[in-house]
Amino acid sequence: MSLGYGGRDAVARLSGAFAPGSFTAVVGPNGAGKTTLLRALADLHPPSAGRIDRGALVRADIALLPQAARPDPRFPLTCRDVAAQGLFPRLGPFRAASAAQQAAIDAALMAVGLGGAGAEPVGALSAGQFQRLLFARLAVQDAPVLLLDEPFNAVDAPTVVVLLSLLAAWHREGRTIVAVLHDIDLVQRLFPETLVLAGAPVGWGPTAEVLTPANRRRAGLDAPDWSLLDGIASFAPARSRSAA
């Protein structure tokens, strides 16, 4: 299949399968189409060519964790409110949560270390606490397929340990997990399968066979990441620029 915007491919000629219960990392440079792929798998972005076969899965069976975007702190959301959003795909906006589902919310907050923070406003959370809360929302949704977009970005090391332990537990339960990551060392240590994406697929299969030096060079993974410099006109004083 291919995925695009306005007639331009973001992901081109990708063919393959995520086996049920697999644990796959998606790696590649900025702009490689990784986020677009996750959105397509979640049925939020239609292919421009080809198709995605989800078998018997319905949308509620697929949980997408987007790159963390903090809600407006002026909006009165509590931690419990956000965790409860995991029920929405199955309950819809009008059905009330059962006692068992309320207990599942409490258990999810406890599992991520926010057991006493249900009434706390979301705006008061640190970046690491907010990411833990998003994982609690995933736990409440209880989907068999988890799609995670940079789940460890800008969080502290203790939070990464907690979140990794949750992923490992979910994987042992037989869930299918696909995670976009930038930390190649982490991928090599923990993820059995890897998809290397750079607009088009560079490699897809067992991590040890796919993350070779040659494939990393082809995907630009060994090049410096200059994205932080985007939009900065120059580092040189005006006189140096005119002389150049």
C-alpha atoms as a PDB file:
ATOM      1  CA  MET A   1       0.000   0.000   0.000  1.00  0.00           C
ATOM      2  CA  SER A   2       0.910   3.666  -0.183  1.00  0.00           C
ATOM      3  CA  LEU A   3      -0.103   6.591   2.034  1.00  0.00           C
ATOM      4  CA  GLY A   4      -0.019  10.218   1.019  1.00  0.00           C
ATOM      5  CA  TYR A   5      -1.187  13.791   1.325  1.00  0.00           C
ATOM      6  CA  GLY A   6      -2.286  15.909  -1.600  1.00  0.00           C
ATOM      7  CA  GLY A   7      -0.982  13.486  -4.203  1.00  0.00           C
ATOM      8  CA  ARG A   8       2.423  13.127  -2.556  1.00  0.00           C
ATOM      9  CA  ASP A   9       3.462   9.841  -0.966  1.00  0.00           C
ATOM     10  CA  ALA A  10       4.407   9.807   2.715  1.00  0.00           C
ATOM     11  CA  VAL A  11       4.771   6.003   2.679  1.00  0.00           C
ATOM     12  CA  ALA A  12       5.269   4.218  -0.626  1.00  0.00           C
ATOM     13  CA  ARG A  13       4.961   0.555  -1.623  1.00  0.00           C
ATOM     14  CA  LEU A  14       4.816  -0.988   1.846  1.00  0.00           C
ATOM     15  CA  SER A  15       3.863  -4.661   2.003  1.00  0.00           C
ATOM     16  CA  GLY A  16       3.949  -6.882   5.066  1.00  0.00           C
ATOM     17  CA  ALA A  17       2.111  -8.075   8.142  1.00  0.00           C
ATOM     18  CA  PHE A  18       2.137  -7.500  11.883  1.00  0.00           C
ATOM     19  CA  ALA A  19       1.579 -10.974  13.296  1.00  0.00           C
ATOM     20  CA  PRO A  20      -0.888 -11.269  16.185  1.00  0.00           C
ATOM     21  CA  GLY A  21       1.013 -10.857  19.438  1.00  0.00           C
ATOM     22  CA  SER A  22       4.076  -9.355  17.750  1.00  0.00           C
ATOM     23  CA  PHE A  23       6.203  -6.605  19.319  1.00  0.00           C
ATOM     24  CA  THR A  24       7.458  -4.310  16.558  1.00  0.00           C
ATOM     25  CA  ALA A  25       9.446  -1.074  16.542  1.00  0.00           C
ATOM     26  CA  VAL A  26       9.111   1.380  13.652  1.00  0.00           C
ATOM     27  CA  VAL A  27      12.229   3.488  13.152  1.00  0.00           C
ATOM     28  CA  GLY A  28      13.311   6.049  10.598  1.00  0.00           C
ATOM     29  CA  PRO A  29      14.319   9.677  10.175  1.00  0.00           C
ATOM     30  CA  ASN A  30      11.986  12.620  10.683  1.00  0.00           C
ATOM     31  CA  GLY A  31       9.422  12.802   7.902  1.00  0.00           C
ATOM     32  CA  ALA A  32       9.749   9.089   7.090  1.00  0.00           C
ATOM     33  CA  GLY A  33       5.992   8.463   7.337  1.00  0.00           C
ATOM     34  CA  LYS A  34       6.020   6.704  10.717  1.00  0.00           C
ATOM     35  CA  THR A  35       3.163   8.682  12.285  1.00  0.00           C
ATOM     36  CA  THR A  36       1.151   8.465   9.068  1.00  0.00           C
ATOM     37  CA  LEU A  37       1.537   4.686   9.134  1.00  0.00           C
ATOM     38  CA  LEU A  38       0.200   4.446  12.692  1.00  0.00           C
ATOM     39  CA  ARG A  39      -2.772   6.646  11.802  1.00  0.00           C
ATOM     40  CA  ALA A  40      -3.513   4.445   8.805  1.00  0.00           C
ATOM     41  CA  LEU A  41      -3.354   1.290  10.914  1.00  0.00           C
ATOM     42  CA  ALA A  42      -5.813   2.937  13.315  1.00  0.00           C
ATOM     43  CA  ASP A  43      -8.198   3.606  10.399  1.00  0.00           C
ATOM     44  CA  LEU A  44      -7.668   7.368  10.627  1.00  0.00           C
ATOM     45  CA  HIS A  45      -5.865   7.832   7.292  1.00  0.00           C
ATOM     46  CA  PRO A  46      -6.997   5.969   4.163  1.00  0.00           C
ATOM     47  CA  PRO A  47      -4.380   4.439   1.840  1.00  0.00           C
ATOM     48  CA  SER A  48      -3.856   6.215  -1.455  1.00  0.00           C
ATOM     49  CA  ALA A  49      -3.128   2.808  -3.021  1.00  0.00           C
ATOM     50  CA  GLY A  50      -3.522  -0.738  -1.809  1.00  0.00           C
ATOM     51  CA  ARG A  51      -5.310  -1.668   1.397  1.00  0.00           C
ATOM     52  CA  ILE A  52      -4.946  -2.620   5.055  1.00  0.00           C
ATOM     53  CA  ASP A  53      -6.495  -5.940   6.093  1.00  0.00           C
ATOM     54  CA  ARG A  54      -7.518  -5.768   9.757  1.00  0.00           C
ATOM     55  CA  GLY A  55      -9.346  -9.087   9.695  1.00  0.00           C
ATOM     56  CA  ALA A  56     -12.084  -9.156  12.325  1.00  0.00           C
ATOM     57  CA  LEU A  57     -10.708  -6.158  14.234  1.00  0.00           C
ATOM     58  CA  VAL A  58     -13.010  -3.183  14.704  1.00  0.00           C
ATOM     59  CA  ARG A  59     -11.840   0.336  15.498  1.00  0.00           C
ATOM     60  CA  ALA A  60     -12.333  -0.141  19.249  1.00  0.00           C
ATOM     61  CA  ASP A  61      -9.858  -3.048  19.114  1.00  0.00           C
ATOM     62  CA  ILE A  62      -7.050  -0.692  18.080  1.00  0.00           C
ATOM     63  CA  ALA A  63      -5.702   1.852  20.578  1.00  0.00           C
ATOM     64  CA  LEU A  64      -3.566   4.710  19.289  1.00  0.00           C
ATOM     65  CA  LEU A  65      -1.269   6.654  21.608  1.00  0.00           C
ATOM     66  CA  PRO A  66      -0.342   9.820  19.670  1.00  0.00           C
ATOM     67  CA  GLN A  67       2.662  11.965  20.433  1.00  0.00           C
ATOM     68  CA  ALA A  68       1.811  13.649  23.709  1.00  0.00           C
ATOM     69  CA  ALA A  69      -0.111  16.893  23.324  1.00  0.00           C
ATOM     70  CA  ARG A  70      -1.017  18.517  26.629  1.00  0.00           C
ATOM     71  CA  PRO A  71      -4.635  19.682  26.954  1.00  0.00           C
ATOM     72  CA  ASP A  72      -5.294  23.317  27.706  1.00  0.00           C
ATOM     73  CA  PRO A  73      -4.678  23.643  31.471  1.00  0.00           C
ATOM     74  CA  ARG A  74      -7.660  26.002  31.692  1.00  0.00           C
ATOM     75  CA  PHE A  75      -9.954  23.138  30.691  1.00  0.00           C
ATOM     76  CA  PRO A  76     -11.147  21.375  33.888  1.00  0.00           C
ATOM     77  CA  LEU A  77     -10.005  17.805  33.163  1.00  0.00           C
ATOM     78  CA  THR A  78      -8.893  15.550  35.988  1.00  0.00           C
ATOM     79  CA  CYS A  79      -6.608  12.546  35.730  1.00  0.00           C
ATOM     80  CA  ARG A  80      -9.596  10.287  36.197  1.00  0.00           C
ATOM     81  CA  ASP A  81     -11.428  12.042  33.341  1.00  0.00           C
ATOM     82  CA  VAL A  82      -8.547  11.354  30.952  1.00  0.00           C
ATOM     83  CA  ALA A  83      -8.156   7.716  32.020  1.00  0.00           C
ATOM     84  CA  ALA A  84     -11.904   7.224  31.583  1.00  0.00           C
ATOM     85  CA  GLN A  85     -11.608   8.314  27.941  1.00  0.00           C
ATOM     86  CA  GLY A  86     -10.314   4.808  27.293  1.00  0.00           C
ATOM     87  CA  LEU A  87     -13.918   3.599  27.672  1.00  0.00           C
ATOM     88  CA  PHE A  88     -15.234   5.883  24.927  1.00  0.00           C
ATOM     89  CA  PRO A  89     -14.568   3.558  21.933  1.00  0.00           C
ATOM     90  CA  ARG A  90     -16.844   0.913  23.471  1.00  0.00           C
ATOM     91  CA  LEU A  91     -19.325   2.993  25.507  1.00  0.00           C
ATOM     92  CA  GLY A  92     -19.763   6.040  23.307  1.00  0.00           C
ATOM     93  CA  PRO A  93     -20.582   9.464  24.776  1.00  0.00           C
ATOM     94  CA  PHE A  94     -23.810   8.661  26.628  1.00  0.00           C
ATOM     95  CA  ARG A  95     -23.540   5.311  28.407  1.00  0.00           C
ATOM     96  CA  ALA A  96     -22.334   5.363  32.001  1.00  0.00           C
ATOM     97  CA  ALA A  97     -19.412   3.236  33.146  1.00  0.00           C
ATOM     98  CA  SER A  98     -20.248   0.128  35.151  1.00  0.00           C
ATOM     99  CA  ALA A  99     -18.828  -0.565  38.588  1.00  0.00           C
ATOM    100  CA  ALA A 100     -16.334  -2.963  37.002  1.00  0.00           C
ATOM    101  CA  GLN A 101     -15.231  -0.300  34.530  1.00  0.00           C
ATOM    102  CA  GLN A 102     -14.859   2.262  37.313  1.00  0.00           C
ATOM    103  CA  ALA A 103     -12.661  -0.259  39.132  1.00  0.00           C
ATOM    104  CA  ALA A 104     -10.628  -0.713  35.934  1.00  0.00           C
ATOM    105  CA  ILE A 105      -9.968   3.039  35.862  1.00  0.00           C
ATOM    106  CA  ASP A 106      -8.742   2.940  39.456  1.00  0.00           C
ATOM    107  CA  ALA A 107      -6.528  -0.068  38.703  1.00  0.00           C
ATOM    108  CA  ALA A 108      -5.051   1.621  35.615  1.00  0.00           C
ATOM    109  CA  LEU A 109      -4.157   4.775  37.552  1.00  0.00           C
ATOM    110  CA  MET A 110      -2.587   2.634  40.262  1.00  0.00           C
ATOM    111  CA  ALA A 111      -0.569   0.656  37.707  1.00  0.00           C
ATOM    112  CA  VAL A 112       1.098   3.798  36.358  1.00  0.00           C
ATOM    113  CA  GLY A 113       1.829   5.263  39.776  1.00  0.00           C
ATOM    114  CA  LEU A 114      -1.037   7.782  39.825  1.00  0.00           C
ATOM    115  CA  GLY A 115      -3.287   5.950  42.242  1.00  0.00           C
ATOM    116  CA  GLY A 116      -3.842   8.962  44.470  1.00  0.00           C
ATOM    117  CA  ALA A 117      -4.080  11.516  41.684  1.00  0.00           C
ATOM    118  CA  GLY A 118      -7.496  10.783  40.187  1.00  0.00           C
ATOM    119  CA  ALA A 119      -8.930  14.151  41.228  1.00  0.00           C
ATOM    120  CA  GLU A 120      -5.809  16.126  40.304  1.00  0.00           C
ATOM    121  CA  PRO A 121      -6.111  18.548  37.349  1.00  0.00           C
ATOM    122  CA  VAL A 122      -4.215  17.409  34.283  1.00  0.00           C
ATOM    123  CA  GLY A 123      -2.545  20.807  33.987  1.00  0.00           C
ATOM    124  CA  ALA A 124      -0.685  20.164  37.243  1.00  0.00           C
ATOM    125  CA  LEU A 125       1.115  17.071  35.936  1.00  0.00           C
ATOM    126  CA  SER A 126       4.741  16.909  34.839  1.00  0.00           C
ATOM    127  CA  ALA A 127       5.568  15.569  31.375  1.00  0.00           C
ATOM    128  CA  GLY A 128       6.387  12.159  32.819  1.00  0.00           C
ATOM    129  CA  GLN A 129       3.193  12.010  34.864  1.00  0.00           C
ATOM    130  CA  PHE A 130       1.117  13.018  31.854  1.00  0.00           C
ATOM    131  CA  GLN A 131       2.629  10.217  29.771  1.00  0.00           C
ATOM    132  CA  ARG A 132       1.853   7.762  32.575  1.00  0.00           C
ATOM    133  CA  LEU A 133      -1.734   9.018  32.449  1.00  0.00           C
ATOM    134  CA  LEU A 134      -1.945   8.347  28.720  1.00  0.00           C
ATOM    135  CA  PHE A 135      -0.759   4.785  29.375  1.00  0.00           C
ATOM    136  CA  ALA A 136      -3.515   4.470  31.986  1.00  0.00           C
ATOM    137  CA  ARG A 137      -6.005   5.481  29.291  1.00  0.00           C
ATOM    138  CA  LEU A 138      -4.588   2.723  27.074  1.00  0.00           C
ATOM    139  CA  ALA A 139      -5.003   0.206  29.891  1.00  0.00           C
ATOM    140  CA  VAL A 140      -8.644   1.222  30.345  1.00  0.00           C
ATOM    141  CA  GLN A 141      -9.357   0.804  26.630  1.00  0.00           C
ATOM    142  CA  ASP A 142      -8.026  -2.765  26.933  1.00  0.00           C
ATOM    143  CA  ALA A 143      -7.486  -3.133  23.179  1.00  0.00           C
ATOM    144  CA  PRO A 144      -5.727  -6.141  21.641  1.00  0.00           C
ATOM    145  CA  VAL A 145      -3.711  -3.888  19.299  1.00  0.00           C
ATOM    146  CA  LEU A 146      -1.628  -0.971  20.639  1.00  0.00           C
ATOM    147  CA  LEU A 147      -0.075   1.676  18.374  1.00  0.00           C
ATOM    148  CA  LEU A 148       2.369   3.972  20.176  1.00  0.00           C
ATOM    149  CA  ASP A 149       3.904   7.101  18.651  1.00  0.00           C
ATOM    150  CA  GLU A 150       7.121   8.076  20.482  1.00  0.00           C
ATOM    151  CA  PRO A 151       5.838   6.834  23.858  1.00  0.00           C
ATOM    152  CA  PHE A 152       9.060   7.691  25.721  1.00  0.00           C
ATOM    153  CA  ASN A 153       9.711  11.110  24.240  1.00  0.00           C
ATOM    154  CA  ALA A 154      10.666  13.822  26.769  1.00  0.00           C
ATOM    155  CA  VAL A 155       9.989  11.704  29.872  1.00  0.00           C
ATOM    156  CA  ASP A 156      12.337  10.888  32.738  1.00  0.00           C
ATOM    157  CA  ALA A 157      14.143   7.577  33.185  1.00  0.00           C
ATOM    158  CA  PRO A 158      11.948   6.281  36.062  1.00  0.00           C
ATOM    159  CA  THR A 159       8.858   6.866  33.920  1.00  0.00           C
ATOM    160  CA  VAL A 160      10.437   4.987  30.999  1.00  0.00           C
ATOM    161  CA  VAL A 161      11.037   2.012  33.316  1.00  0.00           C
ATOM    162  CA  VAL A 162       7.389   2.012  34.443  1.00  0.00           C
ATOM    163  CA  LEU A 163       6.048   2.297  30.905  1.00  0.00           C
ATOM    164  CA  LEU A 164       8.363  -0.399  29.558  1.00  0.00           C
ATOM    165  CA  SER A 165       7.214  -2.769  32.289  1.00  0.00           C
ATOM    166  CA  LEU A 166       3.607  -2.136  31.234  1.00  0.00           C
ATOM    167  CA  LEU A 167       4.442  -2.821  27.588  1.00  0.00           C
ATOM    168  CA  ALA A 168       6.193  -6.053  28.553  1.00  0.00           C
ATOM    169  CA  ALA A 169       3.152  -7.153  30.571  1.00  0.00           C
ATOM    170  CA  TRP A 170       0.779  -6.325  27.722  1.00  0.00           C
ATOM    171  CA  HIS A 171       2.984  -8.231  25.313  1.00  0.00           C
ATOM    172  CA  ARG A 172       2.935 -11.284  27.593  1.00  0.00           C
ATOM    173  CA  GLU A 173      -0.865 -11.094  27.475  1.00  0.00           C
ATOM    174  CA  GLY A 174      -0.665 -11.580  23.710  1.00  0.00           C
ATOM    175  CA  ARG A 175      -1.392  -8.042  22.560  1.00  0.00           C
ATOM    176  CA  THR A 176       0.042  -6.791  19.278  1.00  0.00           C
ATOM    177  CA  ILE A 177       2.251  -3.747  19.870  1.00  0.00           C
ATOM    178  CA  VAL A 178       3.672  -1.384  17.238  1.00  0.00           C
ATOM    179  CA  ALA A 179       5.794   1.489  18.566  1.00  0.00           C
ATOM    180  CA  VAL A 180       7.496   4.357  16.748  1.00  0.00           C
ATOM    181  CA  LEU A 181      10.836   4.979  18.439  1.00  0.00           C
ATOM    182  CA  HIS A 182      14.024   6.969  17.945  1.00  0.00           C
ATOM    183  CA  ASP A 183      16.175   5.141  20.509  1.00  0.00           C
ATOM    184  CA  ILE A 184      17.949   2.513  18.394  1.00  0.00           C
ATOM    185  CA  ASP A 185      19.699   0.991  21.409  1.00  0.00           C
ATOM    186  CA  LEU A 186      16.344   0.454  23.097  1.00  0.00           C
ATOM    187  CA  VAL A 187      14.943  -1.128  19.944  1.00  0.00           C
ATOM    188  CA  GLN A 188      17.877  -3.515  19.661  1.00  0.00           C
ATOM    189  CA  ARG A 189      17.583  -4.584  23.296  1.00  0.00           C
ATOM    190  CA  LEU A 190      13.821  -4.999  23.636  1.00  0.00           C
ATOM    191  CA  PHE A 191      12.001  -5.303  20.304  1.00  0.00           C
ATOM    192  CA  PRO A 192      12.106  -8.633  18.431  1.00  0.00           C
ATOM    193  CA  GLU A 193      10.797  -7.107  15.176  1.00  0.00           C
ATOM    194  CA  THR A 194      11.639  -3.834  13.454  1.00  0.00           C
ATOM    195  CA  LEU A 195      10.320  -1.933  10.449  1.00  0.00           C
ATOM    196  CA  VAL A 196      12.853   0.566   9.079  1.00  0.00           C
ATOM    197  CA  LEU A 197      10.953   3.223   7.173  1.00  0.00           C
ATOM    198  CA  ALA A 198      12.282   6.125   5.120  1.00  0.00           C
ATOM    199  CA  GLY A 199       9.323   7.067   2.970  1.00  0.00           C
ATOM    200  CA  ALA A 200       9.572   3.596   1.464  1.00  0.00           C
ATOM    201  CA  PRO A 201      10.423   0.475   3.476  1.00  0.00           C
ATOM    202  CA  VAL A 202      14.132  -0.164   3.964  1.00  0.00           C
ATOM    203  CA  GLY A 203      13.734  -3.397   5.923  1.00  0.00           C
ATOM    204  CA  TRP A 204      11.142  -5.309   7.957  1.00  0.00           C
ATOM    205  CA  GLY A 205      11.754  -8.408  10.017  1.00  0.00           C
ATOM    206  CA  PRO A 206      13.783  -9.683  12.976  1.00  0.00           C
ATOM    207  CA  THR A 207      15.562  -6.724  14.545  1.00  0.00           C
ATOM    208  CA  ALA A 208      19.038  -8.277  14.403  1.00  0.00           C
ATOM    209  CA  GLU A 209      18.634  -8.880  10.659  1.00  0.00           C
ATOM    210  CA  VAL A 210      17.035  -5.541   9.807  1.00  0.00           C
ATOM    211  CA  LEU A 211      18.962  -2.969  11.849  1.00  0.00           C
ATOM    212  CA  THR A 212      22.212  -3.577   9.991  1.00  0.00           C
ATOM    213  CA  PRO A 213      24.759  -0.787   9.444  1.00  0.00           C
ATOM    214  CA  ALA A 214      23.874  -0.778   5.736  1.00  0.00           C
ATOM    215  CA  ASN A 215      20.142  -0.355   6.370  1.00  0.00           C
ATOM    216  CA  ARG A 216      20.757   2.323   8.972  1.00  0.00           C
ATOM    217  CA  ARG A 217      22.833   4.281   6.448  1.00  0.00           C
ATOM    218  CA  ARG A 218      20.176   3.813   3.749  1.00  0.00           C
ATOM    219  CA  ALA A 219      17.532   5.185   6.105  1.00  0.00           C
ATOM    220  CA  GLY A 220      19.722   8.050   7.303  1.00  0.00           C
ATOM    221  CA  LEU A 221      19.636   6.813  10.891  1.00  0.00           C
ATOM    222  CA  ASP A 222      23.354   7.395  11.420  1.00  0.00           C
ATOM    223  CA  ALA A 223      23.208  11.003  10.215  1.00  0.00           C
ATOM    224  CA  PRO A 224      22.963  13.917  12.680  1.00  0.00           C
ATOM    225  CA  ASP A 225      19.417  15.003  13.463  1.00  0.00           C
ATOM    226  CA  TRP A 226      19.261  18.674  12.411  1.00  0.00           C
ATOM    227  CA  SER A 227      15.521  19.022  13.076  1.00  0.00           C
ATOM    228  CA  LEU A 228      16.139  21.227  16.112  1.00  0.00           C
ATOM    229  CA  LEU A 229      17.723  23.800  13.795  1.00  0.00           C
ATOM    230  CA  ASP A 230      14.676  24.091  11.519  1.00  0.00           C
ATOM    231  CA  GLY A 231      13.493  27.669  11.226  1.00  0.00           C
ATOM    232  CA  ILE A 232      16.684  29.249  12.584  1.00  0.00           C
ATOM    233  CA  ALA A 233      17.943  31.630   9.914  1.00  0.00           C
ATOM    234  CA  SER A 234      21.605  31.712  10.848  1.00  0.00           C
ATOM    235  CA  PHE A 235      24.127  31.305  13.618  1.00  0.00           C
ATOM    236  CA  ALA A 236      26.605  33.759  12.126  1.00  0.00           C
ATOM    237  CA  PRO A 237      26.678  37.512  12.660  1.00  0.00           C
ATOM    238  CA  ALA A 238      25.481  39.691   9.777  1.00  0.00           C
ATOM    239  CA  ARG A 239      29.016  40.723   8.783  1.00  0.00           C
ATOM    240  CA  SER A 240      30.088  37.121   8.331  1.00  0.00           C
ATOM    241  CA  ARG A 241      27.065  36.384   6.168  1.00  0.00           C
ATOM    242  CA  SER A 242      27.737  39.308   3.839  1.00  0.00           C
ATOM    243  CA  ALA A 243      31.392  38.348   3.566  1.00  0.00           C
ATOM    244  CA  ALA A 244      30.382  34.808   2.617  1.00  0.00           C
END
